[in-house]
C-alpha atoms as a PDB file:
ATOM      1  CA  MET A   1     -14.984  -4.968 -24.006  1.00  0.00           C
ATOM      2  CA  ARG A   2     -15.920  -4.810 -20.696  1.00  0.00           C
ATOM      3  CA  ARG A   3     -14.042  -3.127 -18.589  1.00  0.00           C
ATOM      4  CA  HIS A   4     -11.848  -3.876 -15.502  1.00  0.00           C
ATOM      5  CA  PRO A   5     -12.444  -2.425 -11.680  1.00  0.00           C
ATOM      6  CA  ARG A   6      -9.198  -0.325 -10.648  1.00  0.00           C
ATOM      7  CA  ILE A   7      -9.918  -0.949  -7.357  1.00  0.00           C
ATOM      8  CA  LEU A   8      -8.187  -3.103  -4.887  1.00  0.00           C
ATOM      9  CA  ILE A   9     -11.267  -4.167  -1.936  1.00  0.00           C
ATOM     10  CA  ASN A  10      -9.526  -4.796   1.203  1.00  0.00           C
ATOM     11  CA  THR A  11     -10.181  -6.860   4.242  1.00  0.00           C
ATOM     12  CA  PRO A  12      -8.159  -7.953   7.162  1.00  0.00           C
ATOM     13  CA  ASP A  13      -6.962 -11.199   5.557  1.00  0.00           C
ATOM     14  CA  ILE A  14      -8.048 -10.972   1.997  1.00  0.00           C
ATOM     15  CA  GLU A  15      -7.581  -8.255  -0.633  1.00  0.00           C
ATOM     16  CA  LEU A  16      -9.924  -8.442  -4.042  1.00  0.00           C
ATOM     17  CA  TRP A  17      -8.005  -7.785  -6.888  1.00  0.00           C
ATOM     18  CA  PRO A  18      -8.671  -7.082 -10.287  1.00  0.00           C
ATOM     19  CA  ALA A  19      -8.142  -9.286 -12.555  1.00  0.00           C
ATOM     20  CA  ALA A  20      -6.277  -7.904 -15.132  1.00  0.00           C
ATOM     21  CA  LEU A  21      -4.133  -6.183 -12.697  1.00  0.00           C
ATOM     22  CA  LEU A  22      -2.670  -9.999 -11.374  1.00  0.00           C
ATOM     23  CA  ARG A  23       0.517 -12.379 -13.719  1.00  0.00           C
ATOM     24  CA  ALA A  24      -1.197 -15.216 -13.770  1.00  0.00           C
ATOM     25  CA  ARG A  25       0.911 -18.591 -12.335  1.00  0.00           C
ATOM     26  CA  GLY A  26       0.579 -20.739 -15.249  1.00  0.00           C
ATOM     27  CA  ASN A  27      -1.918 -21.659 -18.330  1.00  0.00           C
ATOM     28  CA  ARG A  28      -4.849 -22.677 -16.226  1.00  0.00           C
ATOM     29  CA  ASP A  29      -5.054 -19.477 -14.658  1.00  0.00           C
ATOM     30  CA  ALA A  30      -4.211 -17.489 -17.473  1.00  0.00           C
ATOM     31  CA  ARG A  31      -7.359 -18.499 -18.852  1.00  0.00           C
ATOM     32  CA  ILE A  32      -8.988 -17.555 -15.897  1.00  0.00           C
ATOM     33  CA  LEU A  33      -7.375 -14.420 -14.712  1.00  0.00           C
ATOM     34  CA  ALA A  34      -8.771 -13.075 -18.760  1.00  0.00           C
ATOM     35  CA  ARG A  35     -12.233 -13.300 -17.610  1.00  0.00           C
ATOM     36  CA  ALA A  36     -12.378 -12.831 -14.368  1.00  0.00           C
ATOM     37  CA  ARG A  37     -13.374  -9.262 -12.558  1.00  0.00           C
ATOM     38  CA  TYR A  38     -11.958 -10.126  -9.071  1.00  0.00           C
ATOM     39  CA  VAL A  39      -9.328 -12.539  -7.611  1.00  0.00           C
ATOM     40  CA  LEU A  40      -9.563 -13.091  -3.647  1.00  0.00           C
ATOM     41  CA  ARG A  41      -5.797 -12.884  -2.739  1.00  0.00           C
ATOM     42  CA  ARG A  42      -4.324 -13.710   0.151  1.00  0.00           C
ATOM     43  CA  LYS A  43      -2.713 -11.703   2.069  1.00  0.00           C
ATOM     44  CA  ARG A  44      -0.216 -12.913   4.134  1.00  0.00           C
ATOM     45  CA  ASP A  45       1.369 -15.015   1.009  1.00  0.00           C
ATOM     46  CA  GLY A  46      -0.048 -13.439  -2.029  1.00  0.00           C
ATOM     47  CA  ARG A  47      -1.974 -17.025  -2.630  1.00  0.00           C
ATOM     48  CA  TYR A  48      -5.109 -16.678  -5.042  1.00  0.00           C
ATOM     49  CA  LEU A  49      -7.840 -18.269  -3.571  1.00  0.00           C
ATOM     50  CA  ALA A  50     -11.195 -17.723  -6.081  1.00  0.00           C
ATOM     51  CA  ALA A  51     -11.340 -15.885  -8.833  1.00  0.00           C
ATOM     52  CA  ASP A  52     -15.322 -14.016  -9.644  1.00  0.00           C
ATOM     53  CA  LEU A  53     -16.283 -14.738 -12.717  1.00  0.00           C
ATOM     54  CA  PRO A  54     -19.805 -14.412 -14.222  1.00  0.00           C
ATOM     55  CA  GLU A  55     -20.975 -17.722 -13.714  1.00  0.00           C
ATOM     56  CA  GLY A  56     -19.901 -18.000 -10.273  1.00  0.00           C
ATOM     57  CA  LEU A  57     -17.123 -17.630  -8.365  1.00  0.00           C
ATOM     58  CA  MET A  58     -14.624 -20.377  -9.952  1.00  0.00           C
ATOM     59  CA  PRO A  59     -11.632 -21.918  -6.301  1.00  0.00           C
ATOM     60  CA  LEU A  60      -7.424 -21.253  -7.759  1.00  0.00           C
ATOM     61  CA  LEU A  61      -6.615 -23.199  -4.571  1.00  0.00           C
ATOM     62  CA  PRO A  62      -8.279 -26.440  -2.135  1.00  0.00           C
ATOM     63  CA  ARG A  63     -10.180 -25.893   0.721  1.00  0.00           C
ATOM     64  CA  TRP A  64     -10.491 -21.881  -0.107  1.00  0.00           C
ATOM     65  CA  MET A  65     -13.942 -21.678   1.696  1.00  0.00           C
ATOM     66  CA  ARG A  66     -12.400 -22.932   4.108  1.00  0.00           C
ATOM     67  CA  GLU A  67      -9.796 -19.618   4.307  1.00  0.00           C
ATOM     68  CA  ALA A  68      -9.469 -17.437   7.474  1.00  0.00           C
ATOM     69  CA  GLY A  69     -12.222 -14.472   6.450  1.00  0.00           C
ATOM     70  CA  ILE A  70     -13.529 -15.690   3.693  1.00  0.00           C
ATOM     71  CA  ASP A  71     -16.285 -14.271   5.076  1.00  0.00           C
ATOM     72  CA  ASP A  72     -16.067 -11.369   5.154  1.00  0.00           C
ATOM     73  CA  ALA A  73     -14.359 -11.140   1.574  1.00  0.00           C
ATOM     74  CA  LEU A  74     -17.129 -12.511   0.435  1.00  0.00           C
ATOM     75  CA  ASP A  75     -19.547  -9.887   1.690  1.00  0.00           C
ATOM     76  CA  ALA A  76     -17.000  -7.423   0.202  1.00  0.00           C
ATOM     77  CA  LEU A  77     -17.436  -9.080  -2.918  1.00  0.00           C
ATOM     78  CA  ASP A  78     -21.286  -8.778  -3.302  1.00  0.00           C
ATOM     79  CA  ALA A  79     -21.191  -4.917  -2.181  1.00  0.00           C
ATOM     80  CA  VAL A  80     -18.770  -4.270  -5.006  1.00  0.00           C
ATOM     81  CA  PRO A  81     -20.468  -1.825  -7.034  1.00  0.00           C
ATOM     82  CA  VAL A  82     -21.100  -3.087 -10.691  1.00  0.00           C
ATOM     83  CA  HIS A  83     -19.059   0.604 -12.177  1.00  0.00           C
ATOM     84  CA  ALA A  84     -16.447   0.711 -10.276  1.00  0.00           C
ATOM     85  CA  ARG A  85     -16.132   3.572  -8.358  1.00  0.00           C
ATOM     86  CA  SER A  86     -19.669   3.829  -7.916  1.00  0.00           C
ATOM     87  CA  GLY A  87     -20.534   4.424  -3.863  1.00  0.00           C
ATOM     88  CA  LEU A  88     -17.112   4.256  -2.865  1.00  0.00           C
ATOM     89  CA  GLU A  89     -15.627   7.684  -2.873  1.00  0.00           C
ATOM     90  CA  HIS A  90     -16.257   7.346   1.188  1.00  0.00           C
ATOM     91  CA  VAL A  91     -13.321   5.568   2.517  1.00  0.00           C
ATOM     92  CA  GLY A  92     -13.515   3.753   5.650  1.00  0.00           C
ATOM     93  CA  ALA A  93     -10.680   1.679   8.085  1.00  0.00           C
ATOM     94  CA  LEU A  94     -10.708  -1.931   8.882  1.00  0.00           C
ATOM     95  CA  PRO A  95      -9.558  -3.063  12.517  1.00  0.00           C
ATOM     96  CA  LEU A  96      -6.587  -3.542  13.635  1.00  0.00           C
ATOM     97  CA  HIS A  97      -6.546  -7.736  13.029  1.00  0.00           C
ATOM     98  CA  ARG A  98      -4.848  -9.742  15.163  1.00  0.00           C
ATOM     99  CA  LEU A  99      -2.369  -6.751  14.873  1.00  0.00           C
ATOM    100  CA  HIS A 100      -1.138  -7.816  18.584  1.00  0.00           C
ATOM    101  CA  GLU A 101      -0.420 -11.426  17.417  1.00  0.00           C
ATOM    102  CA  ARG A 102       1.747 -10.300  14.830  1.00  0.00           C
ATOM    103  CA  LEU A 103       3.821  -8.086  17.067  1.00  0.00           C
ATOM    104  CA  ASP A 104       4.374 -10.831  20.237  1.00  0.00           C
ATOM    105  CA  ALA A 105       5.917 -12.797  17.412  1.00  0.00           C
ATOM    106  CA  LEU A 106       8.422 -10.748  16.638  1.00  0.00           C
ATOM    107  CA  GLY A 107       8.756  -9.963  20.031  1.00  0.00           C
ATOM    108  CA  ILE A 108       7.763  -6.799  19.859  1.00  0.00           C
ATOM    109  CA  ASP A 109       5.617  -5.154  22.895  1.00  0.00           C
ATOM    110  CA  ALA A 110       3.100  -2.649  21.732  1.00  0.00           C
ATOM    111  CA  GLY A 111       3.381  -0.275  24.380  1.00  0.00           C
ATOM    112  CA  THR A 112       6.559   0.040  24.795  1.00  0.00           C
ATOM    113  CA  TYR A 113       6.993   0.949  20.919  1.00  0.00           C
ATOM    114  CA  ALA A 114       4.238   3.369  20.721  1.00  0.00           C
ATOM    115  CA  GLU A 115       5.928   4.652  23.683  1.00  0.00           C
ATOM    116  CA  ARG A 116       9.437   5.115  22.735  1.00  0.00           C
ATOM    117  CA  THR A 117       9.057   5.909  19.071  1.00  0.00           C
ATOM    118  CA  GLY A 118       5.604   8.749  19.609  1.00  0.00           C
ATOM    119  CA  LEU A 119       3.829   6.144  16.204  1.00  0.00           C
ATOM    120  CA  PRO A 120      -0.044   5.611  15.620  1.00  0.00           C
ATOM    121  CA  LEU A 121      -1.665   2.431  14.435  1.00  0.00           C
ATOM    122  CA  VAL A 122      -2.269   2.986  10.885  1.00  0.00           C
ATOM    123  CA  ALA A 123      -5.515   0.536   9.985  1.00  0.00           C
ATOM    124  CA  GLU A 124      -5.926  -0.420   6.622  1.00  0.00           C
ATOM    125  CA  PRO A 125      -8.644   1.444   4.467  1.00  0.00           C
ATOM    126  CA  ASP A 126     -11.284  -0.571   2.963  1.00  0.00           C
ATOM    127  CA  TRP A 127     -10.528   0.655  -0.184  1.00  0.00           C
ATOM    128  CA  LEU A 128      -7.372   1.536  -2.624  1.00  0.00           C
ATOM    129  CA  ALA A 129      -7.461   3.462  -5.600  1.00  0.00           C
ATOM    130  CA  LEU A 130      -5.415   2.148  -8.334  1.00  0.00           C
ATOM    131  CA  ALA A 131      -2.361   5.077  -9.014  1.00  0.00           C
ATOM    132  CA  GLY A 132      -0.193   4.062 -11.771  1.00  0.00           C
ATOM    133  CA  PHE A 133       2.395   1.573 -11.364  1.00  0.00           C
ATOM    134  CA  ASP A 134       5.228   1.979  -9.865  1.00  0.00           C
ATOM    135  CA  ARG A 135       8.860   2.358 -10.906  1.00  0.00           C
ATOM    136  CA  PHE A 136       9.020  -2.069 -10.700  1.00  0.00           C
ATOM    137  CA  ARG A 137       5.698  -2.162 -13.252  1.00  0.00           C
ATOM    138  CA  ARG A 138       3.401  -2.618 -10.217  1.00  0.00           C
ATOM    139  CA  PRO A 139       0.073  -1.314  -9.315  1.00  0.00           C
ATOM    140  CA  LEU A 140       0.287   1.670  -7.653  1.00  0.00           C
ATOM    141  CA  TRP A 141      -2.722   1.548  -4.713  1.00  0.00           C
ATOM    142  CA  LEU A 142      -3.158   4.403  -2.753  1.00  0.00           C
ATOM    143  CA  HIS A 143      -6.039   5.942  -1.033  1.00  0.00           C
ATOM    144  CA  VAL A 144      -7.913   7.598  -3.543  1.00  0.00           C
ATOM    145  CA  ASP A 145      -7.399  11.597  -1.925  1.00  0.00           C
ATOM    146  CA  ALA A 146      -3.428  10.494  -2.540  1.00  0.00           C
ATOM    147  CA  ALA A 147      -4.274   8.803  -6.105  1.00  0.00           C
ATOM    148  CA  ARG A 148      -5.681  12.124  -6.684  1.00  0.00           C
ATOM    149  CA  ALA A 149      -2.773  14.518  -5.304  1.00  0.00           C
ATOM    150  CA  TRP A 150       0.158  11.982  -6.244  1.00  0.00           C
ATOM    151  CA  ALA A 151      -1.082  12.536  -9.896  1.00  0.00           C
ATOM    152  CA  ARG A 152      -0.987  16.540  -9.388  1.00  0.00           C
ATOM    153  CA  LEU A 153       2.303  16.520  -8.149  1.00  0.00           C
ATOM    154  CA  ARG A 154       3.425  14.236 -10.743  1.00  0.00           C
ATOM    155  CA  THR A 155       1.759  17.133 -13.602  1.00  0.00           C
ATOM    156  CA  ALA A 156       2.821  19.526 -11.871  1.00  0.00           C
ATOM    157  CA  ALA A 157       6.892  18.662 -11.487  1.00  0.00           C
ATOM    158  CA  HIS A 158       6.625  17.432 -15.345  1.00  0.00           C
ATOM    159  CA  ARG A 159       5.649  20.609 -15.900  1.00  0.00           C
ATOM    160  CA  ASP A 160       8.300  21.725 -14.421  1.00  0.00           C
ATOM    161  CA  GLY A 161      11.091  19.646 -16.380  1.00  0.00           C
ATOM    162  CA  VAL A 162      11.394  17.011 -13.484  1.00  0.00           C
ATOM    163  CA  VAL A 163      10.435  13.131 -12.822  1.00  0.00           C
ATOM    164  CA  LEU A 164       8.772  11.661 -10.105  1.00  0.00           C
ATOM    165  CA  GLU A 165       9.128   7.769 -10.026  1.00  0.00           C
ATOM    166  CA  ALA A 166       7.683   5.552  -7.665  1.00  0.00           C
ATOM    167  CA  ILE A 167       8.496   3.494  -5.350  1.00  0.00           C
ATOM    168  CA  SER A 168       5.936   1.644  -3.197  1.00  0.00           C
ATOM    169  CA  GLY A 169       2.564   3.252  -1.673  1.00  0.00           C
ATOM    170  CA  TYR A 170       0.415   1.051   0.015  1.00  0.00           C
ATOM    171  CA  ARG A 171       1.390  -2.084   2.592  1.00  0.00           C
ATOM    172  CA  SER A 172      -1.115  -4.343   4.438  1.00  0.00           C
ATOM    173  CA  HIS A 173       0.238  -5.017   7.929  1.00  0.00           C
ATOM    174  CA  ASP A 174       1.354  -8.620   6.691  1.00  0.00           C
ATOM    175  CA  TYR A 175       3.301  -7.133   3.959  1.00  0.00           C
ATOM    176  CA  GLN A 176       4.984  -4.772   6.635  1.00  0.00           C
ATOM    177  CA  LEU A 177       5.170  -7.992   9.138  1.00  0.00           C
ATOM    178  CA  GLY A 178       7.031 -10.297   5.688  1.00  0.00           C
ATOM    179  CA  ILE A 179       9.546  -6.880   5.608  1.00  0.00           C
ATOM    180  CA  PHE A 180      10.301  -8.106   9.530  1.00  0.00           C
ATOM    181  CA  GLU A 181      10.800 -11.868   9.061  1.00  0.00           C
ATOM    182  CA  ARG A 182      12.455 -11.669   5.463  1.00  0.00           C
ATOM    183  CA  LYS A 183      15.095  -9.448   6.773  1.00  0.00           C
ATOM    184  CA  ARG A 184      15.830 -11.580  10.101  1.00  0.00           C
ATOM    185  CA  ALA A 185      15.458 -14.625   8.367  1.00  0.00           C
ATOM    186  CA  ARG A 186      18.887 -12.727   6.883  1.00  0.00           C
ATOM    187  CA  GLY A 187      20.342 -12.313   9.739  1.00  0.00           C
ATOM    188  CA  LEU A 188      19.761  -8.784  11.021  1.00  0.00           C
ATOM    189  CA  ALA A 189      18.363  -8.175  14.274  1.00  0.00           C
ATOM    190  CA  LEU A 190      15.223  -6.721  15.525  1.00  0.00           C
ATOM    191  CA  ASP A 191      16.760  -3.606  16.542  1.00  0.00           C
ATOM    192  CA  GLU A 192      19.364  -3.333  13.430  1.00  0.00           C
ATOM    193  CA  ILE A 193      14.928  -2.953  11.431  1.00  0.00           C
ATOM    194  CA  LEU A 194      13.621  -1.356  13.671  1.00  0.00           C
ATOM    195  CA  PRO A 195      15.480   2.408  13.248  1.00  0.00           C
ATOM    196  CA  ILE A 196      14.418   0.950   8.902  1.00  0.00           C
ATOM    197  CA  ASN A 197      11.724  -0.275   9.129  1.00  0.00           C
ATOM    198  CA  ALA A 198       8.026   0.825  11.375  1.00  0.00           C
ATOM    199  CA  ALA A 199       6.661  -1.825  13.189  1.00  0.00           C
ATOM    200  CA  PRO A 200       3.759  -3.638  11.199  1.00  0.00           C
ATOM    201  CA  GLY A 201       0.656  -1.506  12.541  1.00  0.00           C
ATOM    202  CA  TYR A 202       2.594   1.828  12.573  1.00  0.00           C
ATOM    203  CA  SER A 203       4.017   1.880   8.721  1.00  0.00           C
ATOM    204  CA  GLU A 204       2.659   5.053   6.998  1.00  0.00           C
ATOM    205  CA  HIS A 205       2.516   3.190   4.583  1.00  0.00           C
ATOM    206  CA  HIS A 206      -0.581   0.822   5.638  1.00  0.00           C
ATOM    207  CA  SER A 207      -2.965   3.786   5.184  1.00  0.00           C
ATOM    208  CA  GLY A 208      -2.586   4.612   1.607  1.00  0.00           C
ATOM    209  CA  LEU A 209      -1.317   8.228   2.678  1.00  0.00           C
ATOM    210  CA  ALA A 210       1.970   7.487   1.879  1.00  0.00           C
ATOM    211  CA  LEU A 211       4.681   6.795  -1.027  1.00  0.00           C
ATOM    212  CA  ASP A 212       8.048   6.685  -1.476  1.00  0.00           C
ATOM    213  CA  ILE A 213       9.356   8.336  -4.026  1.00  0.00           C
ATOM    214  CA  GLY A 214      12.499   7.970  -6.701  1.00  0.00           C
ATOM    215  CA  ALA A 215      13.960   9.966 -10.091  1.00  0.00           C
ATOM    216  CA  PRO A 216      15.117   8.288 -12.627  1.00  0.00           C
ATOM    217  CA  GLY A 217      18.565   6.325 -12.341  1.00  0.00           C
ATOM    218  CA  GLU A 218      18.524   7.002  -8.686  1.00  0.00           C
ATOM    219  CA  PRO A 219      19.072   3.964  -6.585  1.00  0.00           C
ATOM    220  CA  PRO A 220      15.269   3.735  -4.481  1.00  0.00           C
ATOM    221  CA  ALA A 221      15.214   4.549  -0.816  1.00  0.00           C
ATOM    222  CA  GLU A 222      18.746   5.878  -0.917  1.00  0.00           C
ATOM    223  CA  GLU A 223      19.794   9.098   1.273  1.00  0.00           C
ATOM    224  CA  SER A 224      21.084  10.809  -1.918  1.00  0.00           C
ATOM    225  CA  PHE A 225      17.674  11.019  -3.298  1.00  0.00           C
ATOM    226  CA  GLU A 226      18.245  14.058  -0.826  1.00  0.00           C
ATOM    227  CA  THR A 227      20.605  15.384  -3.592  1.00  0.00           C
ATOM    228  CA  THR A 228      18.331  15.299  -6.751  1.00  0.00           C
ATOM    229  CA  GLU A 229      16.825  17.821  -8.327  1.00  0.00           C
ATOM    230  CA  ALA A 230      13.488  15.580  -7.647  1.00  0.00           C
ATOM    231  CA  PHE A 231      13.731  16.246  -3.997  1.00  0.00           C
ATOM    232  CA  ALA A 232      15.032  19.885  -4.851  1.00  0.00           C
ATOM    233  CA  TRP A 233      11.141  20.327  -6.674  1.00  0.00           C
ATOM    234  CA  LEU A 234       9.141  18.318  -3.749  1.00  0.00           C
ATOM    235  CA  THR A 235      10.860  20.230  -1.049  1.00  0.00           C
ATOM    236  CA  GLY A 236       9.768  23.383  -2.641  1.00  0.00           C
ATOM    237  CA  ASN A 237       6.742  22.510  -3.987  1.00  0.00           C
ATOM    238  CA  ALA A 238       5.786  19.126  -2.616  1.00  0.00           C
ATOM    239  CA  GLY A 239       2.972  21.131   0.231  1.00  0.00           C
ATOM    240  CA  ASP A 240       1.300  23.112  -2.623  1.00  0.00           C
ATOM    241  CA  TYR A 241      -0.352  19.263  -2.830  1.00  0.00           C
ATOM    242  CA  GLY A 242      -0.660  17.957   0.374  1.00  0.00           C
ATOM    243  CA  PHE A 243       2.710  16.002   1.137  1.00  0.00           C
ATOM    244  CA  ALA A 244       5.295  16.879   3.827  1.00  0.00           C
ATOM    245  CA  MET A 245       8.437  15.145   4.539  1.00  0.00           C
ATOM    246  CA  SER A 246       7.492  11.966   7.300  1.00  0.00           C
ATOM    247  CA  TYR A 247      11.051  11.681   8.166  1.00  0.00           C
ATOM    248  CA  PRO A 248      13.392  14.346   8.556  1.00  0.00           C
ATOM    249  CA  ARG A 249      16.825  13.885   9.976  1.00  0.00           C
ATOM    250  CA  ASP A 250      16.517  13.118  13.701  1.00  0.00           C
ATOM    251  CA  ASN A 251      12.736  12.946  13.992  1.00  0.00           C
ATOM    252  CA  PRO A 252      11.034  12.029  17.375  1.00  0.00           C
ATOM    253  CA  HIS A 253      10.730   8.957  16.396  1.00  0.00           C
ATOM    254  CA  GLY A 254      13.756   7.240  15.574  1.00  0.00           C
ATOM    255  CA  ILE A 255      13.261   6.412  12.310  1.00  0.00           C
ATOM    256  CA  VAL A 256      16.183   6.982   9.601  1.00  0.00           C
ATOM    257  CA  TYR A 257      16.188  10.174   7.627  1.00  0.00           C
ATOM    258  CA  GLU A 258      14.313   8.916   4.431  1.00  0.00           C
ATOM    259  CA  PRO A 259      13.901  12.142   1.883  1.00  0.00           C
ATOM    260  CA  TRP A 260      11.781   9.462   0.300  1.00  0.00           C
ATOM    261  CA  HIS A 261       9.102   9.059   2.603  1.00  0.00           C
ATOM    262  CA  TRP A 262       6.521  11.618   1.539  1.00  0.00           C
ATOM    263  CA  ARG A 263       2.708  11.693   3.070  1.00  0.00           C
ATOM    264  CA  HIS A 264      -0.722  13.496   2.268  1.00  0.00           C
ATOM    265  CA  ASP A 265      -2.884  14.837   4.593  1.00  0.00           C
ATOM    266  CA  VAL A 266      -6.170  14.603   3.197  1.00  0.00           C
ATOM    267  CA  HIS A 267      -7.047  17.937   4.734  1.00  0.00           C
ATOM    268  CA  PRO A 268      -4.475  19.815   3.595  1.00  0.00           C
ATOM    269  CA  PRO A 269      -4.405  23.789   4.086  1.00  0.00           C
ATOM    270  CA  ALA A 270      -6.588  26.023   1.919  1.00  0.00           C
ATOM    271  CA  GLY A 271      -6.213  27.246  -1.431  1.00  0.00           C
ATOM    272  CA  THR A 272      -4.004  24.477  -2.311  1.00  0.00           C
ATOM    273  CA  PRO A 273      -4.319  22.895  -5.625  1.00  0.00           C
END
């Protein structure tokens, strides 16, 4: 049986998704995805562009060869090793592609925002590892070091009788822009959104090192998470696995208190598990 890859290959405009993890959008797509290794997926709206089949690329969208960034995506596809992680231990960073266009579209001045919040620009990694699935059964993509640490963290919690659930992990710049666009379409003003969501390009989720954590039966991404056994366990143990809460109360970035948001340090202190 052909093994399906468990990594996502990332380029500025297009992601290369393992076909087995994608949902078919019709009978034709289902037949193609069943035979494909990777699918070229447009980041700004999730549209499938083409599938990588044993006999070559199969178009899934008309004029897909004219897509922005298609050359980068095809080069990345050619460079994917046959065996999923062979030669992919090093994680590189993508250029901050078209970021100012995204910020300008929202009316955010990058210099003013960075100075006010103290948040650094965050590049996307050029590949991510499958770290299981989140609460909603969506693939959970993380930086490979964070994926390994998350597995150890969950296992340790489980040994202590605590269940940790992933709510979300990696988000692209385009995904973050979509969050803002959807909230503005609901009538929220920019000043109402920014304390809750970092501007595109400034979210720790872009790095694949941050994830939102929940507990069974608890609503996702709510302050009430701090009253759970899961939060108490994280507070006492997460640091041993290289995780820290990014946005405590009264943090200097102007982000609301987020007891659910934890970031992995790729260089944890010596002696950690």
